[in-house]
PDB file of all heavy atoms in Angstrom:
ATOM      1  N   TYR A   1      -4.068  -1.311   9.926  1.00  0.00           N
ATOM      2  CA  TYR A   1      -4.509  -0.380  10.987  1.00  0.00           C
ATOM      3  C   TYR A   1      -4.851   0.998  10.399  1.00  0.00           C
ATOM      4  O   TYR A   1      -5.824   1.634  10.811  1.00  0.00           O
ATOM      5  CB  TYR A   1      -3.416  -0.220  12.057  1.00  0.00           C
ATOM      6  CG  TYR A   1      -3.257  -1.428  12.944  1.00  0.00           C
ATOM      7  CD1 TYR A   1      -2.016  -2.026  13.136  1.00  0.00           C
ATOM      8  CD2 TYR A   1      -4.369  -1.988  13.599  1.00  0.00           C
ATOM      9  CE1 TYR A   1      -1.861  -3.141  13.947  1.00  0.00           C
ATOM     10  CE2 TYR A   1      -4.223  -3.107  14.419  1.00  0.00           C
ATOM     11  CZ  TYR A   1      -2.981  -3.678  14.576  1.00  0.00           C
ATOM     12  OH  TYR A   1      -2.840  -4.784  15.380  1.00  0.00           O
ATOM     13  N   LEU A   2      -4.035   1.472   9.453  1.00  0.00           N
ATOM     14  CA  LEU A   2      -4.247   2.818   8.895  1.00  0.00           C
ATOM     15  C   LEU A   2      -5.489   2.862   8.000  1.00  0.00           C
ATOM     16  O   LEU A   2      -6.200   3.862   7.970  1.00  0.00           O
ATOM     17  CB  LEU A   2      -2.994   3.276   8.132  1.00  0.00           C
ATOM     18  CG  LEU A   2      -1.754   3.489   9.017  1.00  0.00           C
ATOM     19  CD1 LEU A   2      -0.509   3.694   8.168  1.00  0.00           C
ATOM     20  CD2 LEU A   2      -1.926   4.664   9.965  1.00  0.00           C
ATOM     21  N   VAL A   3      -5.764   1.771   7.260  1.00  0.00           N
ATOM     22  CA  VAL A   3      -6.985   1.716   6.436  1.00  0.00           C
ATOM     23  C   VAL A   3      -8.215   1.781   7.346  1.00  0.00           C
ATOM     24  O   VAL A   3      -9.188   2.491   7.063  1.00  0.00           O
ATOM     25  CB  VAL A   3      -7.018   0.413   5.586  1.00  0.00           C
ATOM     26  CG1 VAL A   3      -8.410   0.168   5.020  1.00  0.00           C
ATOM     27  CG2 VAL A   3      -6.034   0.506   4.449  1.00  0.00           C
ATOM     28  N   LYS A   4      -8.165   1.038   8.488  1.00  0.00           N
ATOM     29  CA  LYS A   4      -9.296   1.046   9.436  1.00  0.00           C
ATOM     30  C   LYS A   4      -9.549   2.454   9.972  1.00  0.00           C
ATOM     31  O   LYS A   4     -10.684   2.842  10.242  1.00  0.00           O
ATOM     32  CB  LYS A   4      -9.019   0.078  10.595  1.00  0.00           C
ATOM     33  CG  LYS A   4      -9.389  -1.361  10.224  1.00  0.00           C
ATOM     34  CD  LYS A   4      -8.963  -2.358  11.268  1.00  0.00           C
ATOM     35  CE  LYS A   4      -9.776  -2.235  12.569  1.00  0.00           C
ATOM     36  NZ  LYS A   4      -9.396  -3.290  13.529  1.00  0.00           N
ATOM     37  N   ALA A   5      -8.447   3.253  10.095  1.00  0.00           N
ATOM     38  CA  ALA A   5      -8.595   4.623  10.628  1.00  0.00           C
ATOM     39  C   ALA A   5      -8.932   5.613   9.505  1.00  0.00           C
ATOM     40  O   ALA A   5      -9.026   6.822   9.746  1.00  0.00           O
ATOM     41  CB  ALA A   5      -7.312   5.035  11.327  1.00  0.00           C
ATOM     42  N   GLY A   6      -9.081   5.111   8.254  1.00  0.00           N
ATOM     43  CA  GLY A   6      -9.442   5.997   7.132  1.00  0.00           C
ATOM     44  C   GLY A   6      -8.294   6.889   6.675  1.00  0.00           C
ATOM     45  O   GLY A   6      -8.501   8.012   6.212  1.00  0.00           O
ATOM     46  N   ILE A   7      -7.044   6.385   6.820  1.00  0.00           N
ATOM     47  CA  ILE A   7      -5.869   7.182   6.436  1.00  0.00           C
ATOM     48  C   ILE A   7      -5.279   6.608   5.141  1.00  0.00           C
ATOM     49  O   ILE A   7      -5.090   5.397   5.034  1.00  0.00           O
ATOM     50  CB  ILE A   7      -4.808   7.159   7.562  1.00  0.00           C
ATOM     51  CG1 ILE A   7      -5.375   7.811   8.827  1.00  0.00           C
ATOM     52  CG2 ILE A   7      -3.530   7.866   7.127  1.00  0.00           C
ATOM     53  CD1 ILE A   7      -4.509   7.634  10.061  1.00  0.00           C
ATOM     54  N   SER A   8      -4.983   7.485   4.174  1.00  0.00           N
ATOM     55  CA  SER A   8      -4.315   7.051   2.938  1.00  0.00           C
ATOM     56  C   SER A   8      -2.798   7.145   3.136  1.00  0.00           C
ATOM     57  O   SER A   8      -2.328   8.029   3.854  1.00  0.00           O
ATOM     58  CB  SER A   8      -4.721   7.946   1.767  1.00  0.00           C
ATOM     59  OG  SER A   8      -6.107   7.830   1.544  1.00  0.00           O
ATOM     60  N   VAL A   9      -2.069   6.223   2.486  1.00  0.00           N
ATOM     61  CA  VAL A   9      -0.613   6.178   2.690  1.00  0.00           C
ATOM     62  C   VAL A   9       0.113   6.116   1.338  1.00  0.00           C
ATOM     63  O   VAL A   9      -0.295   5.374   0.443  1.00  0.00           O
ATOM     64  CB  VAL A   9      -0.213   4.939   3.538  1.00  0.00           C
ATOM     65  CG1 VAL A   9       1.292   4.908   3.756  1.00  0.00           C
ATOM     66  CG2 VAL A   9      -0.945   4.933   4.866  1.00  0.00           C
ATOM     67  N   LEU A  10       1.176   6.932   1.188  1.00  0.00           N
ATOM     68  CA  LEU A  10       2.114   6.805   0.059  1.00  0.00           C
ATOM     69  C   LEU A  10       3.463   6.426   0.654  1.00  0.00           C
ATOM     70  O   LEU A  10       3.854   6.971   1.687  1.00  0.00           O
ATOM     71  CB  LEU A  10       2.258   8.142  -0.685  1.00  0.00           C
ATOM     72  CG  LEU A  10       1.010   8.743  -1.323  1.00  0.00           C
ATOM     73  CD1 LEU A  10       1.361  10.090  -1.945  1.00  0.00           C
ATOM     74  CD2 LEU A  10       0.412   7.834  -2.372  1.00  0.00           C
ATOM     75  N   ARG A  11       4.162   5.491   0.016  1.00  0.00           N
ATOM     76  CA  ARG A  11       5.443   5.056   0.614  1.00  0.00           C
ATOM     77  C   ARG A  11       6.586   5.126  -0.403  1.00  0.00           C
ATOM     78  O   ARG A  11       6.372   5.286  -1.594  1.00  0.00           O
ATOM     79  CB  ARG A  11       5.316   3.633   1.155  1.00  0.00           C
ATOM     80  CG  ARG A  11       5.126   2.599   0.067  1.00  0.00           C
ATOM     81  CD  ARG A  11       5.053   1.202   0.631  1.00  0.00           C
ATOM     82  NE  ARG A  11       4.642   0.253  -0.402  1.00  0.00           N
ATOM     83  CZ  ARG A  11       4.293  -0.994  -0.170  1.00  0.00           C
ATOM     84  NH1 ARG A  11       4.299  -1.461   1.062  1.00  0.00           N
ATOM     85  NH2 ARG A  11       3.941  -1.794  -1.149  1.00  0.00           N
ATOM     86  N   ARG A  12       7.803   4.979   0.125  1.00  0.00           N
ATOM     87  CA  ARG A  12       9.051   4.949  -0.666  1.00  0.00           C
ATOM     88  C   ARG A  12       9.193   6.159  -1.586  1.00  0.00           C
ATOM     89  O   ARG A  12       9.384   6.026  -2.788  1.00  0.00           O
ATOM     90  CB  ARG A  12       9.151   3.648  -1.468  1.00  0.00           C
ATOM     91  CG  ARG A  12       9.199   2.444  -0.565  1.00  0.00           C
ATOM     92  CD  ARG A  12       9.971   1.282  -1.143  1.00  0.00           C
ATOM     93  NE  ARG A  12      10.180   0.287  -0.095  1.00  0.00           N
ATOM     94  CZ  ARG A  12       9.319  -0.715   0.172  1.00  0.00           C
ATOM     95  NH1 ARG A  12       8.220  -0.836  -0.542  1.00  0.00           N
ATOM     96  NH2 ARG A  12       9.576  -1.556   1.141  1.00  0.00           N
ATOM     97  N   LEU A  13       9.072   7.345  -1.003  1.00  0.00           N
ATOM     98  CA  LEU A  13       9.302   8.571  -1.773  1.00  0.00           C
ATOM     99  C   LEU A  13      10.781   8.901  -1.750  1.00  0.00           C
ATOM    100  O   LEU A  13      11.492   8.516  -0.830  1.00  0.00           O
ATOM    101  CB  LEU A  13       8.560   9.745  -1.130  1.00  0.00           C
ATOM    102  CG  LEU A  13       7.278  10.149  -1.847  1.00  0.00           C
ATOM    103  CD1 LEU A  13       6.210   9.139  -1.507  1.00  0.00           C
ATOM    104  CD2 LEU A  13       6.864  11.523  -1.418  1.00  0.00           C
ATOM    105  N   LYS A  14      11.213   9.658  -2.748  1.00  0.00           N
ATOM    106  CA  LYS A  14      12.586  10.165  -2.708  1.00  0.00           C
ATOM    107  C   LYS A  14      12.646  11.276  -1.666  1.00  0.00           C
ATOM    108  O   LYS A  14      11.671  11.994  -1.455  1.00  0.00           O
ATOM    109  CB  LYS A  14      12.973  10.733  -4.068  1.00  0.00           C
ATOM    110  CG  LYS A  14      13.178   9.702  -5.134  1.00  0.00           C
ATOM    111  CD  LYS A  14      13.593  10.383  -6.424  1.00  0.00           C
ATOM    112  CE  LYS A  14      13.630   9.390  -7.567  1.00  0.00           C
ATOM    113  NZ  LYS A  14      13.501  10.050  -8.859  1.00  0.00           N
ATOM    114  N   LYS A  15      13.846  11.460  -1.102  1.00  0.00           N
ATOM    115  CA  LYS A  15      14.069  12.530  -0.111  1.00  0.00           C
ATOM    116  C   LYS A  15      13.716  13.891  -0.718  1.00  0.00           C
ATOM    117  O   LYS A  15      13.087  14.731  -0.078  1.00  0.00           O
ATOM    118  CB  LYS A  15      15.543  12.513   0.297  1.00  0.00           C
ATOM    119  CG  LYS A  15      15.901  13.490   1.390  1.00  0.00           C
ATOM    120  CD  LYS A  15      15.619  12.860   2.718  1.00  0.00           C
ATOM    121  CE  LYS A  15      15.953  13.731   3.891  1.00  0.00           C
ATOM    122  NZ  LYS A  15      15.236  13.291   5.083  1.00  0.00           N
ATOM    123  N   THR A  16      14.123  14.104  -1.983  1.00  0.00           N
ATOM    124  CA  THR A  16      13.890  15.411  -2.622  1.00  0.00           C
ATOM    125  C   THR A  16      12.403  15.687  -2.781  1.00  0.00           C
ATOM    126  O   THR A  16      11.939  16.809  -2.592  1.00  0.00           O
ATOM    127  CB  THR A  16      14.569  15.446  -4.004  1.00  0.00           C
ATOM    128  OG1 THR A  16      14.189  14.269  -4.726  1.00  0.00           O
ATOM    129  CG2 THR A  16      16.071  15.498  -3.884  1.00  0.00           C
ATOM    130  N   ASP A  17      11.618  14.623  -3.146  1.00  0.00           N
ATOM    131  CA  ASP A  17      10.166  14.798  -3.294  1.00  0.00           C
ATOM    132  C   ASP A  17       9.529  15.148  -1.957  1.00  0.00           C
ATOM    133  O   ASP A  17       8.641  15.988  -1.871  1.00  0.00           O
ATOM    134  CB  ASP A  17       9.520  13.515  -3.846  1.00  0.00           C
ATOM    135  CG  ASP A  17       9.822  13.332  -5.322  1.00  0.00           C
ATOM    136  OD1 ASP A  17      10.152  14.340  -5.977  1.00  0.00           O
ATOM    137  OD2 ASP A  17       9.751  12.197  -5.818  1.00  0.00           O
ATOM    138  N   ASN A  18       9.995  14.475  -0.904  1.00  0.00           N
ATOM    139  CA  ASN A  18       9.439  14.743   0.432  1.00  0.00           C
ATOM    140  C   ASN A  18       9.715  16.187   0.857  1.00  0.00           C
ATOM    141  O   ASN A  18       8.862  16.864   1.425  1.00  0.00           O
ATOM    142  CB  ASN A  18      10.036  13.767   1.440  1.00  0.00           C
ATOM    143  CG  ASN A  18       9.016  13.315   2.479  1.00  0.00           C
ATOM    144  OD1 ASN A  18       7.827  13.626   2.371  1.00  0.00           O
ATOM    145  ND2 ASN A  18       9.469  12.593   3.471  1.00  0.00           N
ATOM    146  N   ASN A  19      10.935  16.673   0.545  1.00  0.00           N
ATOM    147  CA  ASN A  19      11.281  18.068   0.878  1.00  0.00           C
ATOM    148  C   ASN A  19      10.386  19.043   0.131  1.00  0.00           C
ATOM    149  O   ASN A  19       9.981  20.081   0.667  1.00  0.00           O
ATOM    150  CB  ASN A  19      12.742  18.364   0.509  1.00  0.00           C
ATOM    151  CG  ASN A  19      13.695  17.708   1.486  1.00  0.00           C
ATOM    152  OD1 ASN A  19      13.311  17.390   2.605  1.00  0.00           O
ATOM    153  ND2 ASN A  19      14.925  17.470   1.071  1.00  0.00           N
ATOM    154  N   ARG A  20      10.077  18.709  -1.148  1.00  0.00           N
ATOM    155  CA  ARG A  20       9.216  19.598  -1.941  1.00  0.00           C
ATOM    156  C   ARG A  20       7.809  19.652  -1.359  1.00  0.00           C
ATOM    157  O   ARG A  20       7.206  20.708  -1.266  1.00  0.00           O
ATOM    158  CB  ARG A  20       9.160  19.111  -3.397  1.00  0.00           C
ATOM    159  CG  ARG A  20      10.141  19.826  -4.296  1.00  0.00           C
ATOM    160  CD  ARG A  20       9.758  19.682  -5.736  1.00  0.00           C
ATOM    161  NE  ARG A  20       9.715  18.285  -6.129  1.00  0.00           N
ATOM    162  CZ  ARG A  20      10.794  17.573  -6.408  1.00  0.00           C
ATOM    163  NH1 ARG A  20      11.981  18.124  -6.362  1.00  0.00           N
ATOM    164  NH2 ARG A  20      10.699  16.312  -6.757  1.00  0.00           N
ATOM    165  N   ILE A  21       7.294  18.472  -0.966  1.00  0.00           N
ATOM    166  CA  ILE A  21       5.939  18.440  -0.379  1.00  0.00           C
ATOM    167  C   ILE A  21       5.918  19.265   0.916  1.00  0.00           C
ATOM    168  O   ILE A  21       4.983  20.030   1.172  1.00  0.00           O
ATOM    169  CB  ILE A  21       5.495  16.987  -0.103  1.00  0.00           C
ATOM    170  CG1 ILE A  21       5.388  16.228  -1.419  1.00  0.00           C
ATOM    171  CG2 ILE A  21       4.156  16.948   0.626  1.00  0.00           C
ATOM    172  CD1 ILE A  21       5.176  14.736  -1.275  1.00  0.00           C
ATOM    173  N   ALA A  22       6.997  19.126   1.714  1.00  0.00           N
ATOM    174  CA  ALA A  22       7.069  19.882   2.980  1.00  0.00           C
ATOM    175  C   ALA A  22       6.978  21.380   2.711  1.00  0.00           C
ATOM    176  O   ALA A  22       6.275  22.121   3.413  1.00  0.00           O
ATOM    177  CB  ALA A  22       8.364  19.549   3.714  1.00  0.00           C
ATOM    178  N   ARG A  23       7.693  21.854   1.652  1.00  0.00           N
ATOM    179  CA  ARG A  23       7.659  23.287   1.320  1.00  0.00           C
ATOM    180  C   ARG A  23       6.284  23.696   0.803  1.00  0.00           C
ATOM    181  O   ARG A  23       5.823  24.795   1.052  1.00  0.00           O
ATOM    182  CB  ARG A  23       8.695  23.581   0.222  1.00  0.00           C
ATOM    183  CG  ARG A  23      10.118  23.724   0.689  1.00  0.00           C
ATOM    184  CD  ARG A  23      10.514  25.164   1.016  1.00  0.00           C
ATOM    185  NE  ARG A  23      10.672  26.001  -0.154  1.00  0.00           N
ATOM    186  CZ  ARG A  23      11.828  26.479  -0.602  1.00  0.00           C
ATOM    187  NH1 ARG A  23      12.936  26.192   0.015  1.00  0.00           N
ATOM    188  NH2 ARG A  23      11.877  27.269  -1.648  1.00  0.00           N
ATOM    189  N   ALA A  24       5.636  22.789   0.038  1.00  0.00           N
ATOM    190  CA  ALA A  24       4.364  23.154  -0.614  1.00  0.00           C
ATOM    191  C   ALA A  24       3.204  23.219   0.386  1.00  0.00           C
ATOM    192  O   ALA A  24       2.343  24.093   0.282  1.00  0.00           O
ATOM    193  CB  ALA A  24       4.042  22.159  -1.721  1.00  0.00           C
ATOM    194  N   VAL A  25       3.186  22.287   1.351  1.00  0.00           N
ATOM    195  CA  VAL A  25       2.012  22.228   2.249  1.00  0.00           C
ATOM    196  C   VAL A  25       2.308  22.782   3.642  1.00  0.00           C
ATOM    197  O   VAL A  25       1.423  22.805   4.508  1.00  0.00           O
ATOM    198  CB  VAL A  25       1.464  20.778   2.365  1.00  0.00           C
ATOM    199  CG1 VAL A  25       1.093  20.254   0.994  1.00  0.00           C
ATOM    200  CG2 VAL A  25       2.454  19.843   3.055  1.00  0.00           C
ATOM    201  N   GLY A  26       3.559  23.218   3.870  1.00  0.00           N
ATOM    202  CA  GLY A  26       3.890  23.809   5.170  1.00  0.00           C
ATOM    203  C   GLY A  26       4.029  22.780   6.271  1.00  0.00           C
ATOM    204  O   GLY A  26       3.672  23.039   7.423  1.00  0.00           O
ATOM    205  N   ALA A  27       4.502  21.565   5.935  1.00  0.00           N
ATOM    206  CA  ALA A  27       4.668  20.515   6.945  1.00  0.00           C
ATOM    207  C   ALA A  27       6.128  20.395   7.353  1.00  0.00           C
ATOM    208  O   ALA A  27       7.004  20.958   6.705  1.00  0.00           O
ATOM    209  CB  ALA A  27       4.184  19.184   6.382  1.00  0.00           C
ATOM    210  N   THR A  28       6.368  19.649   8.435  1.00  0.00           N
ATOM    211  CA  THR A  28       7.734  19.339   8.852  1.00  0.00           C
ATOM    212  C   THR A  28       7.914  17.831   8.773  1.00  0.00           C
ATOM    213  O   THR A  28       7.031  17.093   9.214  1.00  0.00           O
ATOM    214  CB  THR A  28       7.982  19.797  10.313  1.00  0.00           C
ATOM    215  OG1 THR A  28       7.583  21.158  10.423  1.00  0.00           O
ATOM    216  CG2 THR A  28       9.433  19.660  10.701  1.00  0.00           C
ATOM    217  N   ILE A  29       9.028  17.381   8.216  1.00  0.00           N
ATOM    218  CA  ILE A  29       9.264  15.929   8.113  1.00  0.00           C
ATOM    219  C   ILE A  29       9.657  15.402   9.498  1.00  0.00           C
ATOM    220  O   ILE A  29      10.558  15.936  10.147  1.00  0.00           O
ATOM    221  CB  ILE A  29      10.381  15.637   7.089  1.00  0.00           C
ATOM    222  CG1 ILE A  29       9.954  16.128   5.706  1.00  0.00           C
ATOM    223  CG2 ILE A  29      10.690  14.149   7.033  1.00  0.00           C
ATOM    224  CD1 ILE A  29      11.033  16.084   4.645  1.00  0.00           C
TER     225      ILE A  29
END
């Protein structure tokens, strides 16, 4: 479904990596 919508997906990240991405791009998990 996500490929059909043109969305890229990364999975099984570490919690610490996800927190770093949140700080870098200004997102909320």
